[in-house]
Amino acid sequence: MRPWTVLAAALFGGACGYAAAQQDYPRKPIRWISPYPPGGSTSTLARLVGDKLGENLGKPVVIDNRPGGNTIIGAEAAARSTPDGYTLLHAGKTQVILNITGKPPYDVFKDFSPITTLVKTHYILVVHPGLPVGNLQEFIAHAKASPKKLTVASVSTGTGQHLMGELFNILAGVNLRHIPYKGGQQGLIDLMAGVVQVSFSNAINAIPHVKAGRLKALAITGDKRTAALPDLPTYAEAGLPKYDPKTWQGVVAPAGTPKPIIEKLSGEMAKILTIPTIIERLANSGMEPWHTGPAGMAAQMKVDHAETIHIIKTANIKLD
């Protein structure tokens, strides 16, 4: 056989083997890296969707918690993995923001292939019960009358929660003074104690305190109210329709993962997010199913990237 025919046969055979590998996917367990500690709402979501995904695909999905480095350690491990569909990363808006503020050893746009968003995570504007305001408009008026006197807690400078407060300042025309904390829970504790007056808090963390009267809720992100607090208006209903920062979670794979595998995973996740028991469990955790597919996720990441740069420049945020 001539050399060129040997090469052609090898290439053809390799292509056929590659196609067969995609068609037979998955043939072994899938590793789903969560760059967060186990037990939190993010890891709970990964396990909830991952368990059902493994059941549907006929191979287990193993949740691999890799916390540390503000999610960078787990994300880097995923970025450096073989792009064969057997390593996934639980990602979200946090990773897009970190691409700007954290200078990680990878590029979230170049080193990952989006699969789909999974959920929107709703955030509630909560204030200390002693603050003399009853709704969002009264709060804005009170903040305008006391520039820089109202303090807002967040999880350190440059995080999504911090930027959420700065975006509120821009759109509402107020000047809440940012107080960074090392963790979200400590900020809520100080808020209830009156050390700070305001927080843009994850719904799952805020709702129990609101129901107990330890915090006062004024508005929630999203286009509809939450069943957990049916009397709490959305920002649009409360008179600030342009304020709706989308905080979401989703799944990506290492760049170069075959498109058929990406599409298969996205399709399976779409089915999972329509299951009533899954929807109910997400709602109880302050989350709403949100499946965009690969293209939709890529588009949302670009929107978040542009929004983050806009907020940092407009608010003149200094990053270390």
C-alpha atoms as a PDB file:
ATOM      1  CA  MET A   1       0.000   0.000   0.000  1.00  0.00           C
ATOM      2  CA  ARG A   2       1.327   3.457  -0.914  1.00  0.00           C
ATOM      3  CA  PRO A   3       2.276   5.830   1.935  1.00  0.00           C
ATOM      4  CA  TRP A   4      -0.471   8.327   1.122  1.00  0.00           C
ATOM      5  CA  THR A   5      -3.110   5.599   1.181  1.00  0.00           C
ATOM      6  CA  VAL A   6      -1.841   4.405   4.544  1.00  0.00           C
ATOM      7  CA  LEU A   7      -2.098   7.964   5.874  1.00  0.00           C
ATOM      8  CA  ALA A   8      -5.572   8.401   4.413  1.00  0.00           C
ATOM      9  CA  ALA A   9      -6.734   5.145   5.934  1.00  0.00           C
ATOM     10  CA  ALA A  10      -5.320   6.147   9.309  1.00  0.00           C
ATOM     11  CA  LEU A  11      -7.008   9.522   9.194  1.00  0.00           C
ATOM     12  CA  PHE A  12     -10.297   8.002   8.062  1.00  0.00           C
ATOM     13  CA  GLY A  13     -10.115   5.369  10.762  1.00  0.00           C
ATOM     14  CA  GLY A  14      -9.307   7.987  13.395  1.00  0.00           C
ATOM     15  CA  ALA A  15     -12.211  10.165  12.298  1.00  0.00           C
ATOM     16  CA  CYS A  16     -14.583   7.209  12.395  1.00  0.00           C
ATOM     17  CA  GLY A  17     -13.333   6.272  15.857  1.00  0.00           C
ATOM     18  CA  TYR A  18     -13.761   9.846  17.041  1.00  0.00           C
ATOM     19  CA  ALA A  19     -17.311  10.012  15.659  1.00  0.00           C
ATOM     20  CA  ALA A  20     -18.154   6.681  17.244  1.00  0.00           C
ATOM     21  CA  ALA A  21     -16.838   7.897  20.588  1.00  0.00           C
ATOM     22  CA  GLN A  22     -19.169  10.891  20.386  1.00  0.00           C
ATOM     23  CA  GLN A  23     -22.107   8.721  19.338  1.00  0.00           C
ATOM     24  CA  ASP A  24     -21.520   6.311  22.220  1.00  0.00           C
ATOM     25  CA  TYR A  25     -21.082   9.121  24.746  1.00  0.00           C
ATOM     26  CA  PRO A  26     -20.920   8.667  27.638  1.00  0.00           C
ATOM     27  CA  ARG A  27     -18.996   5.425  28.068  1.00  0.00           C
ATOM     28  CA  LYS A  28     -17.688   6.180  31.563  1.00  0.00           C
ATOM     29  CA  PRO A  29     -18.513   8.414  34.569  1.00  0.00           C
ATOM     30  CA  ILE A  30     -18.592  12.186  34.078  1.00  0.00           C
ATOM     31  CA  ARG A  31     -16.766  14.491  36.486  1.00  0.00           C
ATOM     32  CA  TRP A  32     -18.669  17.682  37.373  1.00  0.00           C
ATOM     33  CA  ILE A  33     -16.274  20.109  39.088  1.00  0.00           C
ATOM     34  CA  SER A  34     -17.870  22.510  41.562  1.00  0.00           C
ATOM     35  CA  PRO A  35     -15.383  25.229  42.560  1.00  0.00           C
ATOM     36  CA  TYR A  36     -17.232  25.691  45.844  1.00  0.00           C
ATOM     37  CA  PRO A  37     -17.266  23.848  49.196  1.00  0.00           C
ATOM     38  CA  PRO A  38     -19.815  21.036  49.563  1.00  0.00           C
ATOM     39  CA  GLY A  39     -23.105  21.792  51.258  1.00  0.00           C
ATOM     40  CA  GLY A  40     -23.786  25.246  49.811  1.00  0.00           C
ATOM     41  CA  SER A  41     -26.594  26.123  47.410  1.00  0.00           C
ATOM     42  CA  THR A  42     -24.244  25.909  44.398  1.00  0.00           C
ATOM     43  CA  SER A  43     -23.066  22.396  45.187  1.00  0.00           C
ATOM     44  CA  THR A  44     -26.633  21.402  45.997  1.00  0.00           C
ATOM     45  CA  LEU A  45     -27.697  22.525  42.514  1.00  0.00           C
ATOM     46  CA  ALA A  46     -24.825  20.612  40.911  1.00  0.00           C
ATOM     47  CA  ARG A  47     -25.790  17.440  42.760  1.00  0.00           C
ATOM     48  CA  LEU A  48     -29.500  17.889  42.035  1.00  0.00           C
ATOM     49  CA  VAL A  49     -28.995  18.237  38.270  1.00  0.00           C
ATOM     50  CA  GLY A  50     -25.961  15.945  38.118  1.00  0.00           C
ATOM     51  CA  ASP A  51     -27.714  12.998  39.769  1.00  0.00           C
ATOM     52  CA  LYS A  52     -30.613  13.214  37.328  1.00  0.00           C
ATOM     53  CA  LEU A  53     -28.252  13.698  34.373  1.00  0.00           C
ATOM     54  CA  GLY A  54     -26.360  10.544  35.316  1.00  0.00           C
ATOM     55  CA  GLU A  55     -29.622   8.643  35.621  1.00  0.00           C
ATOM     56  CA  ASN A  56     -30.733   9.776  32.162  1.00  0.00           C
ATOM     57  CA  LEU A  57     -27.378   9.089  30.498  1.00  0.00           C
ATOM     58  CA  GLY A  58     -26.835   5.720  32.175  1.00  0.00           C
ATOM     59  CA  LYS A  59     -23.459   6.705  33.649  1.00  0.00           C
ATOM     60  CA  PRO A  60     -22.816   8.342  37.034  1.00  0.00           C
ATOM     61  CA  VAL A  61     -22.052  12.040  37.291  1.00  0.00           C
ATOM     62  CA  VAL A  62     -19.565  12.542  40.111  1.00  0.00           C
ATOM     63  CA  ILE A  63     -19.550  15.941  41.828  1.00  0.00           C
ATOM     64  CA  ASP A  64     -15.944  16.958  42.485  1.00  0.00           C
ATOM     65  CA  ASN A  65     -15.798  19.875  44.935  1.00  0.00           C
ATOM     66  CA  ARG A  66     -12.636  21.914  44.342  1.00  0.00           C
ATOM     67  CA  PRO A  67     -12.990  25.059  46.489  1.00  0.00           C
ATOM     68  CA  GLY A  68     -10.302  27.673  46.938  1.00  0.00           C
ATOM     69  CA  GLY A  69      -8.806  30.716  45.283  1.00  0.00           C
ATOM     70  CA  ASN A  70     -12.219  32.377  44.912  1.00  0.00           C
ATOM     71  CA  THR A  71     -13.297  29.491  42.574  1.00  0.00           C
ATOM     72  CA  ILE A  72     -10.104  29.786  40.490  1.00  0.00           C
ATOM     73  CA  ILE A  73      -8.620  26.453  41.635  1.00  0.00           C
ATOM     74  CA  GLY A  74     -11.563  24.378  40.446  1.00  0.00           C
ATOM     75  CA  ALA A  75     -12.018  26.380  37.260  1.00  0.00           C
ATOM     76  CA  GLU A  76      -8.352  26.023  36.306  1.00  0.00           C
ATOM     77  CA  ALA A  77      -8.517  22.259  36.852  1.00  0.00           C
ATOM     78  CA  ALA A  78     -11.466  22.104  34.445  1.00  0.00           C
ATOM     79  CA  ALA A  79      -9.801  24.360  31.868  1.00  0.00           C
ATOM     80  CA  ARG A  80      -6.739  22.106  31.775  1.00  0.00           C
ATOM     81  CA  SER A  81      -8.759  18.882  31.416  1.00  0.00           C
ATOM     82  CA  THR A  82      -9.116  16.843  28.223  1.00  0.00           C
ATOM     83  CA  PRO A  83     -11.989  18.247  26.114  1.00  0.00           C
ATOM     84  CA  ASP A  84     -13.801  14.942  25.691  1.00  0.00           C
ATOM     85  CA  GLY A  85     -17.048  15.608  27.563  1.00  0.00           C
ATOM     86  CA  TYR A  86     -15.996  13.787  30.716  1.00  0.00           C
ATOM     87  CA  THR A  87     -15.131  16.939  32.677  1.00  0.00           C
ATOM     88  CA  LEU A  88     -17.665  19.707  33.293  1.00  0.00           C
ATOM     89  CA  LEU A  89     -17.419  22.882  35.359  1.00  0.00           C
ATOM     90  CA  HIS A  90     -20.180  24.441  37.412  1.00  0.00           C
ATOM     91  CA  ALA A  91     -19.844  28.073  36.346  1.00  0.00           C
ATOM     92  CA  GLY A  92     -21.788  31.296  36.418  1.00  0.00           C
ATOM     93  CA  LYS A  93     -21.679  35.054  36.390  1.00  0.00           C
ATOM     94  CA  THR A  94     -19.018  34.875  39.092  1.00  0.00           C
ATOM     95  CA  GLN A  95     -16.506  33.416  36.631  1.00  0.00           C
ATOM     96  CA  VAL A  96     -17.240  36.145  34.077  1.00  0.00           C
ATOM     97  CA  ILE A  97     -16.663  38.852  36.686  1.00  0.00           C
ATOM     98  CA  LEU A  98     -13.469  37.165  37.899  1.00  0.00           C
ATOM     99  CA  ASN A  99     -12.155  37.199  34.337  1.00  0.00           C
ATOM    100  CA  ILE A 100     -11.958  40.979  34.815  1.00  0.00           C
ATOM    101  CA  THR A 101     -11.371  41.447  38.539  1.00  0.00           C
ATOM    102  CA  GLY A 102      -9.414  38.327  39.508  1.00  0.00           C
ATOM    103  CA  LYS A 103      -6.986  37.881  36.583  1.00  0.00           C
ATOM    104  CA  PRO A 104      -7.189  34.057  36.642  1.00  0.00           C
ATOM    105  CA  PRO A 105      -4.672  31.821  34.788  1.00  0.00           C
ATOM    106  CA  TYR A 106      -7.268  31.091  32.087  1.00  0.00           C
ATOM    107  CA  ASP A 107      -9.713  33.026  29.937  1.00  0.00           C
ATOM    108  CA  VAL A 108     -13.349  32.174  30.589  1.00  0.00           C
ATOM    109  CA  PHE A 109     -14.209  32.972  26.958  1.00  0.00           C
ATOM    110  CA  LYS A 110     -11.295  31.184  25.267  1.00  0.00           C
ATOM    111  CA  ASP A 111     -10.711  28.196  27.548  1.00  0.00           C
ATOM    112  CA  PHE A 112     -14.303  26.997  28.001  1.00  0.00           C
ATOM    113  CA  SER A 113     -17.217  25.933  25.794  1.00  0.00           C
ATOM    114  CA  PRO A 114     -20.621  26.996  27.162  1.00  0.00           C
ATOM    115  CA  ILE A 115     -23.183  24.203  27.579  1.00  0.00           C
ATOM    116  CA  THR A 116     -26.114  26.055  29.134  1.00  0.00           C
ATOM    117  CA  THR A 117     -27.277  28.196  31.985  1.00  0.00           C
ATOM    118  CA  LEU A 118     -29.282  26.254  34.574  1.00  0.00           C
ATOM    119  CA  VAL A 119     -30.875  28.780  36.909  1.00  0.00           C
ATOM    120  CA  LYS A 120     -31.301  32.408  37.787  1.00  0.00           C
ATOM    121  CA  THR A 121     -30.537  33.142  41.424  1.00  0.00           C
ATOM    122  CA  HIS A 122     -32.739  35.849  42.889  1.00  0.00           C
ATOM    123  CA  TYR A 123     -31.430  38.555  45.201  1.00  0.00           C
ATOM    124  CA  ILE A 124     -33.439  40.586  47.683  1.00  0.00           C
ATOM    125  CA  LEU A 125     -32.783  44.136  48.842  1.00  0.00           C
ATOM    126  CA  VAL A 126     -32.989  43.831  52.624  1.00  0.00           C
ATOM    127  CA  VAL A 127     -32.556  46.546  55.239  1.00  0.00           C
ATOM    128  CA  HIS A 128     -32.399  46.721  59.011  1.00  0.00           C
ATOM    129  CA  PRO A 129     -35.954  46.661  60.458  1.00  0.00           C
ATOM    130  CA  GLY A 130     -35.319  49.961  62.217  1.00  0.00           C
ATOM    131  CA  LEU A 131     -34.720  51.858  58.986  1.00  0.00           C
ATOM    132  CA  PRO A 132     -37.706  54.241  58.562  1.00  0.00           C
ATOM    133  CA  VAL A 133     -38.738  53.074  55.094  1.00  0.00           C
ATOM    134  CA  GLY A 134     -41.625  50.883  53.968  1.00  0.00           C
ATOM    135  CA  ASN A 135     -40.925  50.389  50.259  1.00  0.00           C
ATOM    136  CA  LEU A 136     -38.259  50.848  47.595  1.00  0.00           C
ATOM    137  CA  GLN A 137     -39.179  54.431  46.691  1.00  0.00           C
ATOM    138  CA  GLU A 138     -39.071  55.513  50.329  1.00  0.00           C
ATOM    139  CA  PHE A 139     -35.689  53.831  50.637  1.00  0.00           C
ATOM    140  CA  ILE A 140     -34.318  55.660  47.583  1.00  0.00           C
ATOM    141  CA  ALA A 141     -35.609  58.986  48.931  1.00  0.00           C
ATOM    142  CA  HIS A 142     -34.059  58.257  52.331  1.00  0.00           C
ATOM    143  CA  ALA A 143     -30.726  57.337  50.713  1.00  0.00           C
ATOM    144  CA  LYS A 144     -30.705  60.507  48.602  1.00  0.00           C
ATOM    145  CA  ALA A 145     -31.314  62.580  51.725  1.00  0.00           C
ATOM    146  CA  SER A 146     -28.387  60.883  53.482  1.00  0.00           C
ATOM    147  CA  PRO A 147     -25.590  60.404  50.905  1.00  0.00           C
ATOM    148  CA  LYS A 148     -22.841  58.026  52.029  1.00  0.00           C
ATOM    149  CA  LYS A 149     -24.507  57.557  55.431  1.00  0.00           C
ATOM    150  CA  LEU A 150     -26.251  54.282  54.592  1.00  0.00           C
ATOM    151  CA  THR A 151     -23.823  51.352  54.497  1.00  0.00           C
ATOM    152  CA  VAL A 152     -24.238  48.241  52.335  1.00  0.00           C
ATOM    153  CA  ALA A 153     -22.586  44.908  53.111  1.00  0.00           C
ATOM    154  CA  SER A 154     -21.118  42.660  50.433  1.00  0.00           C
ATOM    155  CA  VAL A 155     -18.664  39.802  49.994  1.00  0.00           C
ATOM    156  CA  SER A 156     -15.447  41.766  49.314  1.00  0.00           C
ATOM    157  CA  THR A 157     -14.614  44.326  46.645  1.00  0.00           C
ATOM    158  CA  GLY A 158     -15.190  43.448  42.995  1.00  0.00           C
ATOM    159  CA  THR A 159     -17.575  40.540  43.616  1.00  0.00           C
ATOM    160  CA  GLY A 160     -20.981  40.148  42.033  1.00  0.00           C
ATOM    161  CA  GLN A 161     -22.718  41.244  45.233  1.00  0.00           C
ATOM    162  CA  HIS A 162     -20.581  44.396  45.422  1.00  0.00           C
ATOM    163  CA  LEU A 163     -21.242  45.252  41.775  1.00  0.00           C
ATOM    164  CA  MET A 164     -24.963  44.694  42.356  1.00  0.00           C
ATOM    165  CA  GLY A 165     -24.912  47.482  44.941  1.00  0.00           C
ATOM    166  CA  GLU A 166     -22.874  49.784  42.711  1.00  0.00           C
ATOM    167  CA  LEU A 167     -25.309  49.247  39.831  1.00  0.00           C
ATOM    168  CA  PHE A 168     -28.142  50.188  42.191  1.00  0.00           C
ATOM    169  CA  ASN A 169     -26.275  53.387  43.089  1.00  0.00           C
ATOM    170  CA  ILE A 170     -25.957  54.260  39.399  1.00  0.00           C
ATOM    171  CA  LEU A 171     -29.563  53.570  38.413  1.00  0.00           C
ATOM    172  CA  ALA A 172     -31.249  54.905  41.560  1.00  0.00           C
ATOM    173  CA  GLY A 173     -29.008  57.954  41.827  1.00  0.00           C
ATOM    174  CA  VAL A 174     -27.936  57.235  45.397  1.00  0.00           C
ATOM    175  CA  ASN A 175     -24.622  56.738  47.186  1.00  0.00           C
ATOM    176  CA  LEU A 176     -24.665  53.729  49.490  1.00  0.00           C
ATOM    177  CA  ARG A 177     -21.298  53.253  51.202  1.00  0.00           C
ATOM    178  CA  HIS A 178     -19.772  49.849  50.511  1.00  0.00           C
ATOM    179  CA  ILE A 179     -18.578  47.737  53.454  1.00  0.00           C
ATOM    180  CA  PRO A 180     -16.733  44.578  52.302  1.00  0.00           C
ATOM    181  CA  TYR A 181     -16.861  41.365  54.321  1.00  0.00           C
ATOM    182  CA  LYS A 182     -15.007  38.070  53.969  1.00  0.00           C
ATOM    183  CA  GLY A 183     -18.280  36.132  53.880  1.00  0.00           C
ATOM    184  CA  GLY A 184     -21.943  36.754  53.180  1.00  0.00           C
ATOM    185  CA  GLN A 185     -23.177  35.398  56.507  1.00  0.00           C
ATOM    186  CA  GLN A 186     -21.127  37.842  58.582  1.00  0.00           C
ATOM    187  CA  GLY A 187     -22.581  40.705  56.570  1.00  0.00           C
ATOM    188  CA  LEU A 188     -26.128  39.513  57.332  1.00  0.00           C
ATOM    189  CA  ILE A 189     -25.301  39.125  61.022  1.00  0.00           C
ATOM    190  CA  ASP A 190     -24.036  42.704  61.159  1.00  0.00           C
ATOM    191  CA  LEU A 191     -27.073  43.889  59.218  1.00  0.00           C
ATOM    192  CA  MET A 192     -29.429  42.333  61.754  1.00  0.00           C
ATOM    193  CA  ALA A 193     -27.360  43.881  64.548  1.00  0.00           C
ATOM    194  CA  GLY A 194     -27.568  47.327  62.943  1.00  0.00           C
ATOM    195  CA  VAL A 195     -23.842  47.627  62.227  1.00  0.00           C
ATOM    196  CA  VAL A 196     -24.719  48.108  58.522  1.00  0.00           C
ATOM    197  CA  GLN A 197     -28.104  49.082  57.133  1.00  0.00           C
ATOM    198  CA  VAL A 198     -28.418  47.430  53.717  1.00  0.00           C
ATOM    199  CA  SER A 199     -27.619  44.236  51.810  1.00  0.00           C
ATOM    200  CA  PHE A 200     -28.359  42.818  48.380  1.00  0.00           C
ATOM    201  CA  SER A 201     -28.708  39.266  49.648  1.00  0.00           C
ATOM    202  CA  ASN A 202     -29.170  35.875  48.047  1.00  0.00           C
ATOM    203  CA  ALA A 203     -32.860  35.007  48.471  1.00  0.00           C
ATOM    204  CA  ILE A 204     -32.210  31.661  50.166  1.00  0.00           C
ATOM    205  CA  ASN A 205     -30.131  33.405  52.848  1.00  0.00           C
ATOM    206  CA  ALA A 206     -32.451  36.371  53.341  1.00  0.00           C
ATOM    207  CA  ILE A 207     -35.924  34.789  53.313  1.00  0.00           C
ATOM    208  CA  PRO A 208     -35.771  33.050  56.732  1.00  0.00           C
ATOM    209  CA  HIS A 209     -34.677  36.310  58.403  1.00  0.00           C
ATOM    210  CA  VAL A 210     -37.368  38.314  56.588  1.00  0.00           C
ATOM    211  CA  LYS A 211     -40.068  35.889  57.700  1.00  0.00           C
ATOM    212  CA  ALA A 212     -38.781  36.053  61.278  1.00  0.00           C
ATOM    213  CA  GLY A 213     -38.867  39.864  61.242  1.00  0.00           C
ATOM    214  CA  ARG A 214     -35.115  40.219  61.649  1.00  0.00           C
ATOM    215  CA  LEU A 215     -34.805  41.907  58.240  1.00  0.00           C
ATOM    216  CA  LYS A 216     -37.095  44.062  56.122  1.00  0.00           C
ATOM    217  CA  ALA A 217     -37.367  43.164  52.406  1.00  0.00           C
ATOM    218  CA  LEU A 218     -38.040  45.883  49.817  1.00  0.00           C
ATOM    219  CA  ALA A 219     -37.656  44.290  46.349  1.00  0.00           C
ATOM    220  CA  ILE A 220     -36.476  41.151  44.550  1.00  0.00           C
ATOM    221  CA  THR A 221     -34.699  40.648  41.225  1.00  0.00           C
ATOM    222  CA  GLY A 222     -36.398  38.815  38.364  1.00  0.00           C
ATOM    223  CA  ASP A 223     -39.576  39.310  36.384  1.00  0.00           C
ATOM    224  CA  LYS A 224     -41.931  37.681  38.874  1.00  0.00           C
ATOM    225  CA  ARG A 225     -42.430  37.444  42.610  1.00  0.00           C
ATOM    226  CA  THR A 226     -41.263  34.546  44.714  1.00  0.00           C
ATOM    227  CA  ALA A 227     -43.819  32.194  46.254  1.00  0.00           C
ATOM    228  CA  ALA A 228     -41.833  32.302  49.494  1.00  0.00           C
ATOM    229  CA  LEU A 229     -42.587  36.038  49.878  1.00  0.00           C
ATOM    230  CA  PRO A 230     -45.647  36.688  47.671  1.00  0.00           C
ATOM    231  CA  ASP A 231     -46.104  40.274  48.916  1.00  0.00           C
ATOM    232  CA  LEU A 232     -42.553  41.286  47.984  1.00  0.00           C
ATOM    233  CA  PRO A 233     -42.542  43.237  44.670  1.00  0.00           C
ATOM    234  CA  THR A 234     -40.003  42.926  41.894  1.00  0.00           C
ATOM    235  CA  TYR A 235     -37.860  45.969  41.192  1.00  0.00           C
ATOM    236  CA  ALA A 236     -39.995  46.722  38.142  1.00  0.00           C
ATOM    237  CA  GLU A 237     -43.146  46.662  40.256  1.00  0.00           C
ATOM    238  CA  ALA A 238     -41.445  48.789  42.907  1.00  0.00           C
ATOM    239  CA  GLY A 239     -40.550  51.517  40.416  1.00  0.00           C
ATOM    240  CA  LEU A 240     -36.992  50.713  39.274  1.00  0.00           C
ATOM    241  CA  PRO A 241     -37.538  48.660  36.089  1.00  0.00           C
ATOM    242  CA  LYS A 242     -34.023  49.074  34.657  1.00  0.00           C
ATOM    243  CA  TYR A 243     -32.480  47.392  37.696  1.00  0.00           C
ATOM    244  CA  ASP A 244     -32.474  43.644  37.080  1.00  0.00           C
ATOM    245  CA  PRO A 245     -28.962  42.210  37.363  1.00  0.00           C
ATOM    246  CA  LYS A 246     -29.116  38.599  36.219  1.00  0.00           C
ATOM    247  CA  THR A 247     -27.218  36.334  38.573  1.00  0.00           C
ATOM    248  CA  TRP A 248     -27.096  32.844  37.132  1.00  0.00           C
ATOM    249  CA  GLN A 249     -25.426  29.469  37.329  1.00  0.00           C
ATOM    250  CA  GLY A 250     -24.687  27.050  34.524  1.00  0.00           C
ATOM    251  CA  VAL A 251     -22.290  24.494  33.102  1.00  0.00           C
ATOM    252  CA  VAL A 252     -19.290  24.746  30.783  1.00  0.00           C
ATOM    253  CA  ALA A 253     -16.776  22.257  29.386  1.00  0.00           C
ATOM    254  CA  PRO A 254     -13.114  22.651  28.391  1.00  0.00           C
ATOM    255  CA  ALA A 255     -12.715  24.468  25.068  1.00  0.00           C
ATOM    256  CA  GLY A 256     -12.656  22.068  22.151  1.00  0.00           C
ATOM    257  CA  THR A 257     -15.239  19.654  23.556  1.00  0.00           C
ATOM    258  CA  PRO A 258     -17.077  18.212  20.513  1.00  0.00           C
ATOM    259  CA  LYS A 259     -20.232  20.109  19.593  1.00  0.00           C
ATOM    260  CA  PRO A 260     -22.445  16.968  19.475  1.00  0.00           C
ATOM    261  CA  ILE A 261     -21.532  16.253  23.098  1.00  0.00           C
ATOM    262  CA  ILE A 262     -22.209  19.869  24.105  1.00  0.00           C
ATOM    263  CA  GLU A 263     -25.613  19.727  22.405  1.00  0.00           C
ATOM    264  CA  LYS A 264     -26.467  16.369  23.973  1.00  0.00           C
ATOM    265  CA  LEU A 265     -25.659  17.601  27.468  1.00  0.00           C
ATOM    266  CA  SER A 266     -27.598  20.815  26.931  1.00  0.00           C
ATOM    267  CA  GLY A 267     -30.625  18.889  25.678  1.00  0.00           C
ATOM    268  CA  GLU A 268     -30.605  16.538  28.656  1.00  0.00           C
ATOM    269  CA  MET A 269     -30.343  19.454  31.069  1.00  0.00           C
ATOM    270  CA  ALA A 270     -33.273  21.169  29.364  1.00  0.00           C
ATOM    271  CA  LYS A 271     -35.428  18.123  30.098  1.00  0.00           C
ATOM    272  CA  ILE A 272     -34.291  17.986  33.722  1.00  0.00           C
ATOM    273  CA  LEU A 273     -35.248  21.620  34.325  1.00  0.00           C
ATOM    274  CA  THR A 274     -38.883  20.900  33.385  1.00  0.00           C
ATOM    275  CA  ILE A 275     -39.381  18.199  36.040  1.00  0.00           C
ATOM    276  CA  PRO A 276     -41.917  19.515  38.625  1.00  0.00           C
ATOM    277  CA  THR A 277     -40.022  18.183  41.652  1.00  0.00           C
ATOM    278  CA  ILE A 278     -36.804  19.797  40.387  1.00  0.00           C
ATOM    279  CA  ILE A 279     -38.587  23.126  39.830  1.00  0.00           C
ATOM    280  CA  GLU A 280     -40.053  22.969  43.347  1.00  0.00           C
ATOM    281  CA  ARG A 281     -36.691  22.243  44.963  1.00  0.00           C
ATOM    282  CA  LEU A 282     -35.085  25.090  43.041  1.00  0.00           C
ATOM    283  CA  ALA A 283     -37.847  27.487  44.098  1.00  0.00           C
ATOM    284  CA  ASN A 284     -37.305  26.532  47.730  1.00  0.00           C
ATOM    285  CA  SER A 285     -33.667  27.548  47.270  1.00  0.00           C
ATOM    286  CA  GLY A 286     -34.470  30.925  45.702  1.00  0.00           C
ATOM    287  CA  MET A 287     -33.687  29.745  42.174  1.00  0.00           C
ATOM    288  CA  GLU A 288     -35.624  29.703  38.908  1.00  0.00           C
ATOM    289  CA  PRO A 289     -34.913  27.294  36.009  1.00  0.00           C
ATOM    290  CA  TRP A 290     -33.273  29.088  33.104  1.00  0.00           C
ATOM    291  CA  HIS A 291     -32.077  27.050  30.144  1.00  0.00           C
ATOM    292  CA  THR A 292     -30.479  29.049  27.325  1.00  0.00           C
ATOM    293  CA  GLY A 293     -28.409  26.432  25.516  1.00  0.00           C
ATOM    294  CA  PRO A 294     -24.798  27.042  24.388  1.00  0.00           C
ATOM    295  CA  ALA A 295     -25.434  30.105  22.216  1.00  0.00           C
ATOM    296  CA  GLY A 296     -27.685  31.764  24.765  1.00  0.00           C
ATOM    297  CA  MET A 297     -25.164  31.198  27.532  1.00  0.00           C
ATOM    298  CA  ALA A 298     -22.342  32.637  25.415  1.00  0.00           C
ATOM    299  CA  ALA A 299     -24.457  35.718  24.672  1.00  0.00           C
ATOM    300  CA  GLN A 300     -25.294  36.233  28.361  1.00  0.00           C
ATOM    301  CA  MET A 301     -21.625  35.959  29.290  1.00  0.00           C
ATOM    302  CA  LYS A 302     -20.803  38.773  26.840  1.00  0.00           C
ATOM    303  CA  VAL A 303     -23.589  40.931  28.305  1.00  0.00           C
ATOM    304  CA  ASP A 304     -22.282  40.336  31.827  1.00  0.00           C
ATOM    305  CA  HIS A 305     -18.731  41.132  30.748  1.00  0.00           C
ATOM    306  CA  ALA A 306     -19.765  44.469  29.248  1.00  0.00           C
ATOM    307  CA  GLU A 307     -21.968  45.307  32.238  1.00  0.00           C
ATOM    308  CA  THR A 308     -19.152  44.561  34.689  1.00  0.00           C
ATOM    309  CA  ILE A 309     -16.709  46.834  32.873  1.00  0.00           C
ATOM    310  CA  HIS A 310     -19.367  49.585  32.741  1.00  0.00           C
ATOM    311  CA  ILE A 311     -20.041  49.392  36.490  1.00  0.00           C
ATOM    312  CA  ILE A 312     -16.339  49.358  37.412  1.00  0.00           C
ATOM    313  CA  LYS A 313     -15.613  52.415  35.246  1.00  0.00           C
ATOM    314  CA  THR A 314     -18.744  54.378  36.203  1.00  0.00           C
ATOM    315  CA  ALA A 315     -18.357  53.711  39.933  1.00  0.00           C
ATOM    316  CA  ASN A 316     -14.584  54.224  39.735  1.00  0.00           C
ATOM    317  CA  ILE A 317     -13.954  50.981  41.608  1.00  0.00           C
ATOM    318  CA  LYS A 318     -10.320  50.422  42.514  1.00  0.00           C
ATOM    319  CA  LEU A 319      -9.277  46.766  42.252  1.00  0.00           C
ATOM    320  CA  ASP A 320      -6.215  45.437  44.088  1.00  0.00           C
END
